[in-house]
């Protein structure tokens, strides 16, 4: 906290930050109306990965033959959306929830 005090928050209480900025335009390097425009520095380790397979620790593949390693890395590069860090939407399975005819869902606050 600004006064030096500590505050503990449970993970369920954290919310995603939604910016309330109106996107009227974009500031480019050529704009002079706003003064000098500074860009945030990009860490060097972010730019070194050009393919998804480059992010793997190759020492963890030492139990595979060279041919198997190349095959695995090519599969990871080809199907990179399956091996990404962020979860996605899966529509491979559909579920039905059977309820009684007199069922009324409870209205609760979204969180």
C-alpha atoms as a PDB file:
ATOM      1  CA  UNK A   1       0.000   0.000   0.000  1.00  0.00           C
ATOM      2  CA  UNK A   2       1.204   3.602  -0.493  1.00  0.00           C
ATOM      3  CA  UNK A   3       1.601   4.096   3.265  1.00  0.00           C
ATOM      4  CA  UNK A   4       3.835   1.001   3.585  1.00  0.00           C
ATOM      5  CA  UNK A   5       1.120  -1.243   5.033  1.00  0.00           C
ATOM      6  CA  UNK A   6       0.573  -4.758   3.690  1.00  0.00           C
ATOM      7  CA  UNK A   7      -2.683  -6.141   2.342  1.00  0.00           C
ATOM      8  CA  UNK A   8      -3.357  -9.753   1.432  1.00  0.00           C
ATOM      9  CA  UNK A   9      -5.766 -10.600  -1.357  1.00  0.00           C
ATOM     10  CA  UNK A  10      -7.055 -14.026  -2.249  1.00  0.00           C
ATOM     11  CA  UNK A  11      -6.560 -15.026  -5.896  1.00  0.00           C
ATOM     12  CA  UNK A  12     -10.351 -15.194  -6.365  1.00  0.00           C
ATOM     13  CA  UNK A  13     -10.592 -11.497  -5.494  1.00  0.00           C
ATOM     14  CA  UNK A  14      -8.209 -10.393  -8.249  1.00  0.00           C
ATOM     15  CA  UNK A  15      -9.809  -9.029 -11.384  1.00  0.00           C
ATOM     16  CA  UNK A  16      -8.457  -8.429 -14.858  1.00  0.00           C
ATOM     17  CA  UNK A  17      -7.630  -4.775 -15.468  1.00  0.00           C
ATOM     18  CA  UNK A  18      -9.876  -3.316 -18.138  1.00  0.00           C
ATOM     19  CA  UNK A  19      -8.603  -0.012 -19.451  1.00  0.00           C
ATOM     20  CA  UNK A  20     -11.257   2.659 -19.846  1.00  0.00           C
ATOM     21  CA  UNK A  21      -9.258   4.600 -22.442  1.00  0.00           C
ATOM     22  CA  UNK A  22     -11.078   5.606 -25.573  1.00  0.00           C
ATOM     23  CA  UNK A  23      -9.099   4.569 -28.635  1.00  0.00           C
ATOM     24  CA  UNK A  24      -9.442   7.748 -30.642  1.00  0.00           C
ATOM     25  CA  UNK A  25      -6.148   7.454 -32.466  1.00  0.00           C
ATOM     26  CA  UNK A  26      -2.683   6.063 -32.369  1.00  0.00           C
ATOM     27  CA  UNK A  27       0.470   8.016 -31.635  1.00  0.00           C
ATOM     28  CA  UNK A  28       3.237   7.252 -34.099  1.00  0.00           C
ATOM     29  CA  UNK A  29       6.931   8.159 -34.187  1.00  0.00           C
ATOM     30  CA  UNK A  30       6.252  10.982 -36.648  1.00  0.00           C
ATOM     31  CA  UNK A  31       3.734  12.782 -34.371  1.00  0.00           C
ATOM     32  CA  UNK A  32       5.094  15.954 -32.833  1.00  0.00           C
ATOM     33  CA  UNK A  33       1.944  17.117 -31.023  1.00  0.00           C
ATOM     34  CA  UNK A  34       2.733  15.091 -27.902  1.00  0.00           C
ATOM     35  CA  UNK A  35       6.453  15.730 -27.668  1.00  0.00           C
ATOM     36  CA  UNK A  36       8.991  12.916 -27.820  1.00  0.00           C
ATOM     37  CA  UNK A  37       7.378   9.472 -27.801  1.00  0.00           C
ATOM     38  CA  UNK A  38       9.365   6.907 -25.835  1.00  0.00           C
ATOM     39  CA  UNK A  39       8.908   3.187 -26.328  1.00  0.00           C
ATOM     40  CA  UNK A  40       9.180   0.632 -23.563  1.00  0.00           C
ATOM     41  CA  UNK A  41      12.359  -1.447 -23.806  1.00  0.00           C
ATOM     42  CA  UNK A  42      11.919  -5.005 -25.038  1.00  0.00           C
ATOM     43  CA  UNK A  43      13.922  -7.585 -23.069  1.00  0.00           C
ATOM     44  CA  UNK A  44      16.519  -9.360 -25.181  1.00  0.00           C
ATOM     45  CA  UNK A  45      15.234 -12.841 -24.295  1.00  0.00           C
ATOM     46  CA  UNK A  46      11.809 -12.035 -25.805  1.00  0.00           C
ATOM     47  CA  UNK A  47      13.200 -11.398 -29.264  1.00  0.00           C
ATOM     48  CA  UNK A  48      15.372 -14.513 -29.445  1.00  0.00           C
ATOM     49  CA  UNK A  49      12.466 -16.951 -29.891  1.00  0.00           C
ATOM     50  CA  UNK A  50      11.361 -17.055 -33.507  1.00  0.00           C
ATOM     51  CA  UNK A  51       9.725 -20.491 -33.417  1.00  0.00           C
ATOM     52  CA  UNK A  52       7.807 -22.210 -30.597  1.00  0.00           C
ATOM     53  CA  UNK A  53      10.361 -25.024 -30.529  1.00  0.00           C
ATOM     54  CA  UNK A  54      13.104 -22.485 -29.721  1.00  0.00           C
ATOM     55  CA  UNK A  55      11.544 -22.003 -26.286  1.00  0.00           C
ATOM     56  CA  UNK A  56      12.232 -25.621 -25.285  1.00  0.00           C
ATOM     57  CA  UNK A  57      15.202 -26.633 -23.183  1.00  0.00           C
ATOM     58  CA  UNK A  58      17.032 -28.955 -25.573  1.00  0.00           C
ATOM     59  CA  UNK A  59      18.696 -30.797 -22.684  1.00  0.00           C
ATOM     60  CA  UNK A  60      15.297 -32.286 -21.810  1.00  0.00           C
ATOM     61  CA  UNK A  61      15.255 -34.009 -25.216  1.00  0.00           C
ATOM     62  CA  UNK A  62      18.588 -35.764 -24.765  1.00  0.00           C
ATOM     63  CA  UNK A  63      16.902 -39.155 -24.307  1.00  0.00           C
ATOM     64  CA  UNK A  64      15.622 -38.946 -27.919  1.00  0.00           C
ATOM     65  CA  UNK A  65      17.631 -39.654 -31.018  1.00  0.00           C
ATOM     66  CA  UNK A  66      18.522 -36.739 -33.298  1.00  0.00           C
ATOM     67  CA  UNK A  67      15.857 -37.787 -35.795  1.00  0.00           C
ATOM     68  CA  UNK A  68      13.214 -38.045 -33.048  1.00  0.00           C
ATOM     69  CA  UNK A  69      14.184 -34.626 -31.708  1.00  0.00           C
ATOM     70  CA  UNK A  70      13.834 -33.049 -35.153  1.00  0.00           C
ATOM     71  CA  UNK A  71      10.459 -34.730 -35.672  1.00  0.00           C
ATOM     72  CA  UNK A  72       9.169 -33.567 -32.286  1.00  0.00           C
ATOM     73  CA  UNK A  73      10.357 -30.004 -32.832  1.00  0.00           C
ATOM     74  CA  UNK A  74       8.783 -29.852 -36.294  1.00  0.00           C
ATOM     75  CA  UNK A  75       5.454 -31.084 -34.866  1.00  0.00           C
ATOM     76  CA  UNK A  76       5.606 -28.420 -32.142  1.00  0.00           C
ATOM     77  CA  UNK A  77       6.300 -25.727 -34.750  1.00  0.00           C
ATOM     78  CA  UNK A  78       3.578 -26.964 -37.098  1.00  0.00           C
ATOM     79  CA  UNK A  79       0.906 -27.216 -34.393  1.00  0.00           C
ATOM     80  CA  UNK A  80       2.071 -24.312 -32.226  1.00  0.00           C
ATOM     81  CA  UNK A  81      -1.492 -23.336 -31.295  1.00  0.00           C
ATOM     82  CA  UNK A  82      -1.902 -26.671 -29.490  1.00  0.00           C
ATOM     83  CA  UNK A  83       1.328 -26.213 -27.519  1.00  0.00           C
ATOM     84  CA  UNK A  84       0.842 -22.574 -26.494  1.00  0.00           C
ATOM     85  CA  UNK A  85       1.108 -21.291 -22.911  1.00  0.00           C
ATOM     86  CA  UNK A  86      -2.375 -19.804 -22.720  1.00  0.00           C
ATOM     87  CA  UNK A  87      -5.463 -21.996 -22.409  1.00  0.00           C
ATOM     88  CA  UNK A  88      -7.941 -21.987 -25.237  1.00  0.00           C
ATOM     89  CA  UNK A  89     -11.454 -23.057 -26.090  1.00  0.00           C
ATOM     90  CA  UNK A  90     -12.140 -26.741 -26.708  1.00  0.00           C
ATOM     91  CA  UNK A  91     -15.299 -27.730 -28.557  1.00  0.00           C
ATOM     92  CA  UNK A  92     -14.429 -31.405 -28.942  1.00  0.00           C
ATOM     93  CA  UNK A  93     -16.933 -32.489 -26.282  1.00  0.00           C
ATOM     94  CA  UNK A  94     -20.457 -31.275 -25.614  1.00  0.00           C
ATOM     95  CA  UNK A  95     -22.237 -31.718 -22.319  1.00  0.00           C
ATOM     96  CA  UNK A  96     -25.868 -31.495 -21.303  1.00  0.00           C
ATOM     97  CA  UNK A  97     -27.112 -30.678 -17.842  1.00  0.00           C
ATOM     98  CA  UNK A  98     -30.500 -32.213 -17.193  1.00  0.00           C
ATOM     99  CA  UNK A  99     -32.636 -30.250 -14.746  1.00  0.00           C
ATOM    100  CA  UNK A 100     -36.154 -30.601 -13.434  1.00  0.00           C
ATOM    101  CA  UNK A 101     -38.946 -28.627 -15.127  1.00  0.00           C
ATOM    102  CA  UNK A 102     -39.371 -26.391 -12.071  1.00  0.00           C
ATOM    103  CA  UNK A 103     -35.670 -25.475 -11.940  1.00  0.00           C
ATOM    104  CA  UNK A 104     -34.869 -21.754 -11.673  1.00  0.00           C
ATOM    105  CA  UNK A 105     -31.217 -20.719 -11.862  1.00  0.00           C
ATOM    106  CA  UNK A 106     -29.968 -18.500  -9.063  1.00  0.00           C
ATOM    107  CA  UNK A 107     -28.876 -15.074 -10.157  1.00  0.00           C
ATOM    108  CA  UNK A 108     -25.475 -14.296  -8.684  1.00  0.00           C
ATOM    109  CA  UNK A 109     -22.902 -11.621  -9.293  1.00  0.00           C
ATOM    110  CA  UNK A 110     -20.345 -12.477 -11.948  1.00  0.00           C
ATOM    111  CA  UNK A 111     -16.810 -12.927 -10.682  1.00  0.00           C
END
